[in-house]
């Protein structure tokens, strides 16, 4: 705390204003001590070291401008910058955590994030990436700036004038302020079971420090008997595994799986809540959801050969999202397209049609993409890990231009075996296999 007091006395108004501006919206400012800085500055104002009016005016102004700069940064160059590798001043995990916070609280996150160290730096950047309506954003920005930028200095100023020798208690008071600012949001989040599970899951991952990989186990039209399916489900039951069983085995497989997740291999393009009618042989997303299914494979090359066009796949993506399922979107080129150097062109077209046709909001749903070169499916001739990595990097870069979350996973599929599996998942950019 002595260092903080010394900093304020040495740097003065300018130093405080610069720190507040950077922490409010510049991505490397997340580690700055904004809360304690403002409280201590207010306390020093009570001792005559600075004017409280000038302090509050400058802090509020810089807080609003900093958040606006963060919004502009996210809207203009965020996707390109966030494709960069982790570094001392930037880590994608910080952005992922903020995405979950932003998705939960919506517009209010702009205000609440002011009182959440770390999150307040990335919330405006994500608002820009998500292209939040700017007038609405600005209103919440100003409200948050006033509450935070004026509230903490005034608290320090008031206590400094009210409590004799308060400088002896600065450290415990600052710690208490940080605890109280985080407590309401933490309590609200922990009341919900799904949020608790996410937090515990994240904590477990952080402690293990092992990157999570996904194995999507596509059974295709196998096996033929229920007892064989149940044995296969039991043997496949492990964390990180997604079992894509035939429709007729889904309900029974759901009873077996304890650690693995369940996926369907296809879904109807029709939303049963909107387009009720006669669709013989079709299975809706809601029917799958009610069976305990979490994921659905869409756009597999074998379905494309049976007539699923890019437009049909786009409808299935929307149907899955509307029904609460997580799409596993398959994209990939034929041998002829690869040989003619059109891999990125084909993948780009497939992604654009599937994900942009119906103006889906990227931050409102989860997505997995699987790069599956058509010529490698079931042929025993997989794409090389190096070429697969190159295609997956392209996919991730394109997803960012569509404003999809940084945590969107991209898998490789196509003649993956137990012998070559490790060659693919050793790359951190390849999030698993199908």
Protein backbone atom coordinates (compact mmCIF):
# COMPACT_ATOMS: atom_id res chain seq x y z
CA UNK A 1 0.00 0.00 0.00
CA UNK A 2 3.00 2.30 0.70
CA UNK A 3 4.03 1.83 -2.96
CA UNK A 4 0.55 2.77 -4.13
CA UNK A 5 0.52 5.92 -2.03
CA UNK A 6 3.97 6.80 -3.32
CA UNK A 7 2.84 6.23 -6.90
CA UNK A 8 -0.15 8.55 -6.52
CA UNK A 9 1.93 11.27 -4.88
CA UNK A 10 4.60 10.98 -7.56
CA UNK A 11 2.46 10.52 -10.67
CA UNK A 12 -0.38 12.80 -9.58
CA UNK A 13 -3.57 13.26 -11.56
CA UNK A 14 -1.95 12.31 -14.86
CA UNK A 15 -0.71 8.96 -13.58
CA UNK A 16 -4.11 8.09 -12.10
CA UNK A 17 -5.98 9.10 -15.26
CA UNK A 18 -3.64 7.09 -17.52
CA UNK A 19 -4.01 3.95 -15.38
CA UNK A 20 -7.81 4.27 -15.32
CA UNK A 21 -7.96 4.76 -19.10
CA UNK A 22 -5.76 1.73 -19.78
CA UNK A 23 -7.49 -0.58 -17.29
CA UNK A 24 -10.91 0.37 -18.64
CA UNK A 25 -10.39 -0.97 -22.13
CA UNK A 26 -6.81 -1.67 -23.23
CA UNK A 27 -6.35 -5.45 -23.23
CA UNK A 28 -3.00 -5.43 -21.37
CA UNK A 29 -4.41 -3.26 -18.56
CA UNK A 30 -6.21 -6.06 -16.73
CA UNK A 31 -3.53 -6.29 -14.04
CA UNK A 32 -3.75 -2.65 -12.95
CA UNK A 33 -5.15 -2.07 -9.40
CA UNK A 34 -8.03 0.24 -10.33
CA UNK A 35 -10.24 -0.29 -7.26
CA UNK A 36 -7.53 0.21 -4.68
CA UNK A 37 -6.01 3.07 -6.68
CA UNK A 38 -9.27 5.03 -6.67
CA UNK A 39 -9.98 4.41 -3.00
CA UNK A 40 -6.48 5.46 -1.93
CA UNK A 41 -6.63 8.51 -4.23
CA UNK A 42 -9.89 9.54 -2.55
CA UNK A 43 -8.28 9.06 0.85
CA UNK A 44 -5.29 11.22 -0.14
CA UNK A 45 -7.72 13.87 -1.36
CA UNK A 46 -9.20 13.94 2.14
CA UNK A 47 -5.69 14.62 3.45
CA UNK A 48 -5.25 17.58 1.12
CA UNK A 49 -2.94 16.01 -1.47
CA UNK A 50 -5.38 16.63 -4.34
CA UNK A 51 -8.78 18.10 -5.12
CA UNK A 52 -11.63 15.57 -4.90
CA UNK A 53 -13.67 17.34 -7.59
CA UNK A 54 -10.85 17.34 -10.12
CA UNK A 55 -10.06 13.72 -9.23
CA UNK A 56 -13.62 12.48 -9.77
CA UNK A 57 -14.16 14.46 -12.98
CA UNK A 58 -10.94 13.14 -14.52
CA UNK A 59 -11.47 9.56 -13.37
CA UNK A 60 -15.04 9.37 -14.69
CA UNK A 61 -14.00 10.94 -17.99
CA UNK A 62 -11.05 8.56 -18.43
CA UNK A 63 -13.16 5.56 -17.39
CA UNK A 64 -15.80 6.36 -20.02
CA UNK A 65 -13.22 7.13 -22.71
CA UNK A 66 -11.23 3.99 -21.87
CA UNK A 67 -14.27 1.75 -22.16
CA UNK A 68 -15.22 3.45 -25.44
CA UNK A 69 -11.70 2.81 -26.73
CA UNK A 70 -12.03 -0.84 -25.74
CA UNK A 71 -15.32 -1.07 -27.64
CA UNK A 72 -13.77 0.51 -30.75
CA UNK A 73 -10.77 -1.82 -30.48
CA UNK A 74 -13.01 -4.90 -30.29
CA UNK A 75 -15.23 -3.75 -33.14
CA UNK A 76 -12.46 -2.84 -35.53
CA UNK A 77 -9.45 -5.06 -34.97
CA UNK A 78 -10.39 -7.41 -32.12
CA UNK A 79 -10.84 -10.60 -34.16
CA UNK A 80 -7.49 -10.10 -35.89
CA UNK A 81 -5.63 -9.31 -32.67
CA UNK A 82 -7.25 -12.16 -30.72
CA UNK A 83 -5.93 -14.66 -33.23
CA UNK A 84 -2.45 -13.95 -31.91
CA UNK A 85 -0.56 -16.27 -29.60
CA UNK A 86 -0.66 -15.88 -25.80
CA UNK A 87 1.93 -13.53 -24.38
CA UNK A 88 2.90 -11.72 -21.19
CA UNK A 89 0.24 -9.05 -21.76
CA UNK A 90 -2.44 -11.13 -23.47
CA UNK A 91 -4.01 -14.46 -22.65
CA UNK A 92 -7.08 -15.87 -24.38
CA UNK A 93 -8.36 -17.40 -21.14
CA UNK A 94 -9.06 -13.90 -19.79
CA UNK A 95 -11.27 -13.20 -22.78
CA UNK A 96 -13.06 -16.54 -22.50
CA UNK A 97 -13.92 -15.92 -18.84
CA UNK A 98 -15.27 -12.47 -19.73
CA UNK A 99 -17.36 -13.95 -22.55
CA UNK A 100 -19.16 -16.19 -20.06
CA UNK A 101 -19.74 -13.21 -17.75
CA UNK A 102 -20.96 -11.05 -20.66
CA UNK A 103 -23.29 -13.76 -21.98
CA UNK A 104 -24.85 -14.22 -18.54
CA UNK A 105 -25.53 -10.58 -17.70
CA UNK A 106 -25.99 -9.05 -21.16
CA UNK A 107 -25.97 -5.26 -21.25
CA UNK A 108 -25.74 -5.04 -17.46
CA UNK A 109 -22.28 -6.61 -17.73
CA UNK A 110 -20.95 -3.24 -18.88
CA UNK A 111 -21.92 -1.80 -15.47
CA UNK A 112 -21.23 -4.85 -13.30
CA UNK A 113 -17.84 -5.45 -14.93
CA UNK A 114 -16.66 -2.10 -13.58
CA UNK A 115 -16.47 -3.71 -10.16
CA UNK A 116 -14.88 -6.96 -11.38
CA UNK A 117 -11.07 -6.72 -11.58
CA UNK A 118 -9.81 -8.15 -14.87
CA UNK A 119 -13.27 -8.60 -16.36
CA UNK A 120 -13.82 -4.83 -16.58
CA UNK A 121 -10.92 -4.58 -19.04
CA UNK A 122 -12.30 -7.15 -21.48
CA UNK A 123 -16.08 -6.52 -21.24
CA UNK A 124 -16.05 -3.45 -23.54
CA UNK A 125 -13.74 -5.22 -25.99
CA UNK A 126 -16.21 -8.10 -26.23
CA UNK A 127 -19.11 -5.67 -26.59
CA UNK A 128 -17.27 -4.30 -29.62
CA UNK A 129 -16.55 -7.75 -31.03
CA UNK A 130 -20.25 -8.60 -30.60
CA UNK A 131 -21.22 -5.26 -32.24
CA UNK A 132 -23.46 -4.20 -29.36
CA UNK A 133 -25.65 -1.21 -30.30
CA UNK A 134 -23.38 1.75 -29.57
CA UNK A 135 -25.93 4.23 -28.12
CA UNK A 136 -27.09 1.53 -25.69
CA UNK A 137 -23.49 0.63 -24.91
CA UNK A 138 -22.59 4.30 -24.31
CA UNK A 139 -25.49 4.75 -21.87
CA UNK A 140 -24.41 1.76 -19.78
CA UNK A 141 -20.80 2.89 -20.10
CA UNK A 142 -21.57 6.33 -18.62
CA UNK A 143 -23.67 4.87 -15.80
CA UNK A 144 -20.91 2.42 -14.90
CA UNK A 145 -18.25 5.10 -15.15
CA UNK A 146 -20.14 7.36 -12.75
CA UNK A 147 -20.86 4.62 -10.21
CA UNK A 148 -17.31 3.29 -10.20
CA UNK A 149 -15.27 6.38 -11.00
CA UNK A 150 -17.05 8.57 -8.45
CA UNK A 151 -18.10 5.97 -5.88
CA UNK A 152 -14.71 4.61 -4.86
CA UNK A 153 -12.90 7.98 -4.55
CA UNK A 154 -15.82 9.40 -2.58
CA UNK A 155 -15.71 6.39 -0.25
CA UNK A 156 -12.01 6.96 0.39
CA UNK A 157 -12.60 10.68 0.82
CA UNK A 158 -15.45 10.17 3.28
CA UNK A 159 -13.61 7.61 5.41
CA UNK A 160 -10.48 9.74 5.35
CA UNK A 161 -12.42 12.63 6.85
CA UNK A 162 -14.39 10.47 9.30
CA UNK A 163 -11.92 8.00 10.82
CA UNK A 164 -8.87 9.23 12.72
CA UNK A 165 -5.56 7.64 11.65
CA UNK A 166 -7.28 5.73 8.85
CA UNK A 167 -3.94 5.29 7.11
CA UNK A 168 -3.24 2.48 9.58
CA UNK A 169 -6.20 0.54 8.20
CA UNK A 170 -5.79 1.17 4.46
CA UNK A 171 -4.72 -2.36 3.54
CA UNK A 172 -7.61 -4.23 5.26
CA UNK A 173 -10.11 -1.62 3.99
CA UNK A 174 -8.94 -2.03 0.40
CA UNK A 175 -9.11 -5.83 0.71
CA UNK A 176 -12.62 -5.52 2.08
CA UNK A 177 -13.68 -3.29 -0.82
CA UNK A 178 -12.40 -5.82 -3.35
CA UNK A 179 -14.17 -8.66 -1.52
CA UNK A 180 -17.48 -6.78 -1.32
CA UNK A 181 -17.35 -5.75 -4.99
CA UNK A 182 -16.97 -9.35 -6.12
CA UNK A 183 -19.29 -10.96 -3.55
CA UNK A 184 -22.77 -10.09 -4.97
CA UNK A 185 -21.97 -11.36 -8.45
CA UNK A 186 -20.21 -14.45 -7.09
CA UNK A 187 -23.19 -15.33 -4.89
CA UNK A 188 -25.62 -14.84 -7.77
CA UNK A 189 -23.55 -17.07 -10.06
CA UNK A 190 -23.03 -19.78 -7.47
CA UNK A 191 -26.76 -20.06 -6.82
CA UNK A 192 -27.23 -21.62 -10.25
CA UNK A 193 -26.23 -25.25 -10.62
CA UNK A 194 -25.03 -24.87 -14.22
CA UNK A 195 -22.81 -21.95 -13.24
CA UNK A 196 -21.35 -23.87 -10.30
CA UNK A 197 -20.55 -26.78 -12.56
CA UNK A 198 -18.80 -24.49 -15.04
CA UNK A 199 -16.74 -22.89 -12.29
CA UNK A 200 -15.75 -26.21 -10.75
CA UNK A 201 -14.94 -27.59 -14.18
CA UNK A 202 -12.78 -24.56 -14.97
CA UNK A 203 -11.01 -24.81 -11.61
CA UNK A 204 -10.30 -28.48 -12.24
CA UNK A 205 -8.84 -27.68 -15.65
CA UNK A 206 -6.70 -24.90 -14.24
CA UNK A 207 -5.34 -27.17 -11.51
CA UNK A 208 -4.58 -29.97 -13.91
CA UNK A 209 -3.06 -27.52 -16.44
CA UNK A 210 -3.85 -29.95 -19.24
CA UNK A 211 -5.58 -28.65 -22.35
CA UNK A 212 -8.95 -30.33 -22.91
CA UNK A 213 -9.29 -32.25 -26.15
CA UNK A 214 -12.53 -33.62 -27.60
CA UNK A 215 -13.01 -37.02 -29.23
CA UNK A 216 -16.27 -37.21 -31.17
CA UNK A 217 -16.96 -40.92 -31.70
CA UNK A 218 -19.21 -41.18 -34.77
CA UNK A 219 -20.77 -44.66 -34.88
CA UNK A 220 -22.40 -44.02 -38.27
CA UNK A 221 -24.86 -46.88 -39.10
CA UNK A 222 -23.40 -49.21 -36.48
CA UNK A 223 -23.96 -51.48 -34.60
CA UNK A 224 -27.06 -53.46 -35.52
CA UNK A 225 -28.19 -54.67 -32.08
CA UNK A 226 -29.05 -52.84 -28.88
CA UNK A 227 -26.89 -55.02 -26.64
CA UNK A 228 -23.87 -54.29 -28.86
CA UNK A 229 -24.66 -50.57 -28.70
CA UNK A 230 -24.82 -50.64 -24.90
CA UNK A 231 -21.45 -52.37 -24.67
CA UNK A 232 -19.95 -49.83 -27.05
CA UNK A 233 -21.47 -46.95 -25.06
CA UNK A 234 -20.04 -48.30 -21.81
CA UNK A 235 -16.58 -48.70 -23.34
CA UNK A 236 -16.76 -45.15 -24.73
CA UNK A 237 -17.81 -43.53 -21.45
CA UNK A 238 -14.99 -41.12 -20.57
CA UNK A 239 -14.55 -37.40 -20.02
CA UNK A 240 -13.90 -35.51 -23.23
CA UNK A 241 -15.70 -38.08 -25.38
CA UNK A 242 -18.81 -37.29 -27.41
CA UNK A 243 -20.74 -40.37 -28.54
CA UNK A 244 -22.66 -39.91 -31.81
CA UNK A 245 -24.92 -42.96 -31.87
CA UNK A 246 -27.70 -43.83 -34.37
CA UNK A 247 -31.12 -42.39 -33.51
CA UNK A 248 -32.55 -45.71 -32.31
CA UNK A 249 -29.84 -46.10 -29.63
CA UNK A 250 -29.78 -42.56 -28.25
CA UNK A 251 -32.28 -43.03 -25.43
CA UNK A 252 -30.63 -46.18 -24.11
CA UNK A 253 -27.10 -44.82 -24.56
CA UNK A 254 -28.08 -41.78 -22.48
CA UNK A 255 -28.77 -44.12 -19.55
CA UNK A 256 -25.30 -45.65 -19.82
CA UNK A 257 -23.14 -42.56 -20.28
CA UNK A 258 -21.96 -40.90 -17.07
CA UNK A 259 -18.89 -38.95 -18.17
CA UNK A 260 -19.20 -38.82 -21.96
CA UNK A 261 -21.67 -36.55 -23.78
CA UNK A 262 -24.29 -37.66 -26.30
CA UNK A 263 -24.61 -36.53 -29.91
CA UNK A 264 -26.97 -37.20 -32.78
CA UNK A 265 -25.65 -37.77 -36.30
CA UNK A 266 -28.19 -35.50 -38.00
CA UNK A 267 -31.23 -33.32 -37.31
CA UNK A 268 -34.23 -32.06 -39.23
CA UNK A 269 -33.95 -28.71 -40.93
CA UNK A 270 -37.43 -27.88 -39.64
CA UNK A 271 -37.96 -26.14 -36.30
CA UNK A 272 -40.79 -28.13 -34.71
CA UNK A 273 -41.90 -25.16 -32.60
CA UNK A 274 -42.39 -22.96 -35.67
CA UNK A 275 -43.09 -25.30 -38.57
CA UNK A 276 -45.38 -27.96 -37.21
CA UNK A 277 -46.45 -30.44 -39.84
CA UNK A 278 -45.87 -33.75 -41.55
CA UNK A 279 -42.17 -34.59 -41.80
CA UNK A 280 -42.06 -38.35 -42.04
CA UNK A 281 -38.80 -39.82 -40.85
CA UNK A 282 -37.44 -36.52 -39.50
CA UNK A 283 -36.12 -35.99 -35.96
CA UNK A 284 -36.38 -32.47 -34.51
CA UNK A 285 -33.81 -30.73 -32.34
CA UNK A 286 -36.27 -30.55 -29.46
CA UNK A 287 -36.94 -34.30 -29.66
CA UNK A 288 -33.21 -34.92 -29.48
CA UNK A 289 -32.79 -32.47 -26.61
CA UNK A 290 -35.51 -34.24 -24.65
CA UNK A 291 -33.61 -37.53 -25.06
CA UNK A 292 -30.55 -36.07 -23.36
CA UNK A 293 -28.66 -35.23 -26.55
CA UNK A 294 -26.25 -32.27 -26.29
CA UNK A 295 -24.56 -32.19 -29.71
CA UNK A 296 -25.51 -32.92 -33.30
CA UNK A 297 -23.25 -33.54 -36.33
CA UNK A 298 -24.29 -31.37 -39.27
CA UNK A 299 -22.80 -31.23 -42.76
CA UNK A 300 -20.88 -34.51 -42.68
CA UNK A 301 -19.59 -35.32 -46.15
CA UNK A 302 -21.67 -38.52 -46.21
CA UNK A 303 -24.82 -36.43 -45.63
CA UNK A 304 -23.70 -33.95 -48.28
CA UNK A 305 -23.42 -36.83 -50.76
CA UNK A 306 -27.02 -37.73 -49.93
CA UNK A 307 -28.21 -34.26 -50.91
CA UNK A 308 -27.46 -31.87 -48.04
CA UNK A 309 -26.52 -28.61 -49.75
CA UNK A 310 -24.87 -25.66 -48.02
CA UNK A 311 -28.32 -24.04 -47.77
CA UNK A 312 -29.89 -27.14 -46.17
CA UNK A 313 -26.99 -27.31 -43.73
CA UNK A 314 -27.58 -23.65 -42.79
CA UNK A 315 -31.21 -24.50 -41.99
CA UNK A 316 -30.10 -27.46 -39.87
CA UNK A 317 -27.65 -25.25 -37.96
CA UNK A 318 -30.44 -22.81 -37.17
CA UNK A 319 -32.79 -25.64 -36.20
CA UNK A 320 -30.17 -27.09 -33.86
CA UNK A 321 -29.40 -23.74 -32.24
CA UNK A 322 -33.09 -22.91 -31.80
CA UNK A 323 -33.59 -26.31 -30.19
CA UNK A 324 -30.74 -25.86 -27.72
CA UNK A 325 -28.25 -28.28 -29.31
CA UNK A 326 -24.57 -27.61 -29.99
CA UNK A 327 -23.84 -28.07 -33.72
CA UNK A 328 -20.74 -29.95 -34.81
CA UNK A 329 -20.38 -28.42 -38.27
CA UNK A 330 -18.32 -30.48 -40.72
CA UNK A 331 -16.50 -28.74 -43.57
CA UNK A 332 -13.98 -29.99 -46.10
CA UNK A 333 -12.91 -30.19 -49.70
CA UNK A 334 -12.84 -32.99 -52.30
CA UNK A 335 -9.61 -34.38 -53.74
CA UNK A 336 -10.08 -32.39 -56.94
CA UNK A 337 -10.64 -29.17 -55.00
CA UNK A 338 -7.53 -29.82 -52.91
CA UNK A 339 -5.38 -30.53 -55.96
CA UNK A 340 -6.53 -27.29 -57.58
CA UNK A 341 -5.60 -25.29 -54.48
CA UNK A 342 -9.19 -24.40 -53.54
CA UNK A 343 -9.25 -25.80 -49.98
CA UNK A 344 -9.64 -22.42 -48.25
CA UNK A 345 -12.15 -21.23 -50.84
CA UNK A 346 -14.39 -24.27 -50.29
CA UNK A 347 -14.11 -24.19 -46.51
CA UNK A 348 -14.79 -20.46 -46.49
CA UNK A 349 -17.92 -20.86 -48.59
CA UNK A 350 -19.23 -23.68 -46.42
CA UNK A 351 -18.64 -21.74 -43.19
CA UNK A 352 -20.12 -18.52 -44.54
CA UNK A 353 -23.31 -20.14 -45.81
CA UNK A 354 -23.83 -22.32 -42.74
CA UNK A 355 -23.22 -19.62 -40.14
CA UNK A 356 -24.25 -16.32 -41.73
CA UNK A 357 -27.36 -17.18 -43.75
CA UNK A 358 -29.78 -16.70 -40.84
CA UNK A 359 -27.94 -13.91 -38.99
CA UNK A 360 -27.29 -16.09 -35.95
CA UNK A 361 -25.77 -14.21 -33.02
CA UNK A 362 -22.37 -15.85 -32.35
CA UNK A 363 -22.22 -15.02 -28.64
CA UNK A 364 -25.59 -16.65 -27.92
CA UNK A 365 -24.69 -20.26 -28.70
CA UNK A 366 -21.81 -22.74 -28.69
CA UNK A 367 -20.33 -24.28 -31.80
CA UNK A 368 -17.81 -26.95 -32.79
CA UNK A 369 -16.34 -27.12 -36.28
CA UNK A 370 -14.73 -30.26 -37.69
CA UNK A 371 -12.37 -30.05 -40.63
CA UNK A 372 -13.00 -33.26 -42.55
CA UNK A 373 -11.47 -33.40 -46.04
CA UNK A 374 -13.93 -35.46 -48.08
CA UNK A 375 -11.19 -37.49 -49.73
CA UNK A 376 -9.89 -38.66 -46.32
CA UNK A 377 -13.20 -39.95 -44.92
CA UNK A 378 -13.05 -43.73 -44.51
CA UNK A 379 -10.23 -44.10 -47.03
CA UNK A 380 -7.33 -44.79 -44.68
CA UNK A 381 -5.55 -41.81 -46.29
CA UNK A 382 -5.61 -39.00 -43.71
CA UNK A 383 -4.53 -35.43 -44.27
CA UNK A 384 -1.08 -34.78 -42.87
CA UNK A 385 -1.10 -33.21 -39.38
CA UNK A 386 0.74 -30.18 -40.76
CA UNK A 387 -1.84 -29.55 -43.50
CA UNK A 388 -4.69 -30.20 -41.08
CA UNK A 389 -3.17 -27.63 -38.72
CA UNK A 390 -2.97 -25.08 -41.52
CA UNK A 391 -6.64 -25.61 -42.45
CA UNK A 392 -7.74 -25.40 -38.81
CA UNK A 393 -5.84 -22.14 -38.30
CA UNK A 394 -7.65 -20.75 -41.34
CA UNK A 395 -11.01 -21.88 -39.93
CA UNK A 396 -10.34 -20.28 -36.54
CA UNK A 397 -9.27 -17.03 -38.18
CA UNK A 398 -12.43 -17.00 -40.29
CA UNK A 399 -14.65 -17.74 -37.28
CA UNK A 400 -13.19 -14.69 -35.55
CA UNK A 401 -14.15 -12.52 -38.52
CA UNK A 402 -17.69 -13.85 -38.02
CA UNK A 403 -17.45 -12.74 -34.34
CA UNK A 404 -17.58 -16.28 -32.96
CA UNK A 405 -16.12 -16.74 -29.50
CA UNK A 406 -12.45 -17.48 -29.03
CA UNK A 407 -13.28 -20.70 -27.24
CA UNK A 408 -14.96 -22.24 -30.33
CA UNK A 409 -13.30 -25.61 -30.83
CA UNK A 410 -12.11 -26.89 -34.20
CA UNK A 411 -11.44 -30.61 -34.69
CA UNK A 412 -9.85 -32.74 -37.37
CA UNK A 413 -11.59 -35.77 -38.89
CA UNK A 414 -10.71 -38.19 -41.65
CA UNK A 415 -9.12 -41.63 -41.20
CA UNK A 416 -8.08 -40.90 -37.60
CA UNK A 417 -6.91 -44.04 -35.80
CA UNK A 418 -5.44 -44.90 -32.43
CA UNK A 419 -2.07 -45.00 -34.16
CA UNK A 420 -2.13 -41.46 -35.62
CA UNK A 421 -4.37 -39.70 -33.07
CA UNK A 422 -1.47 -38.24 -31.08
CA UNK A 423 0.02 -36.72 -34.25
CA UNK A 424 -2.98 -34.38 -34.48
CA UNK A 425 -3.86 -33.53 -30.91
CA UNK A 426 -0.26 -32.64 -30.03
CA UNK A 427 -0.98 -29.26 -31.65
CA UNK A 428 -2.77 -26.90 -29.27
CA UNK A 429 -4.73 -25.37 -32.17
CA UNK A 430 -6.29 -28.76 -32.98
CA UNK A 431 -8.90 -29.15 -30.24
CA UNK A 432 -9.65 -32.81 -30.86
CA UNK A 433 -10.78 -35.25 -33.53
CA UNK A 434 -13.92 -36.64 -35.09
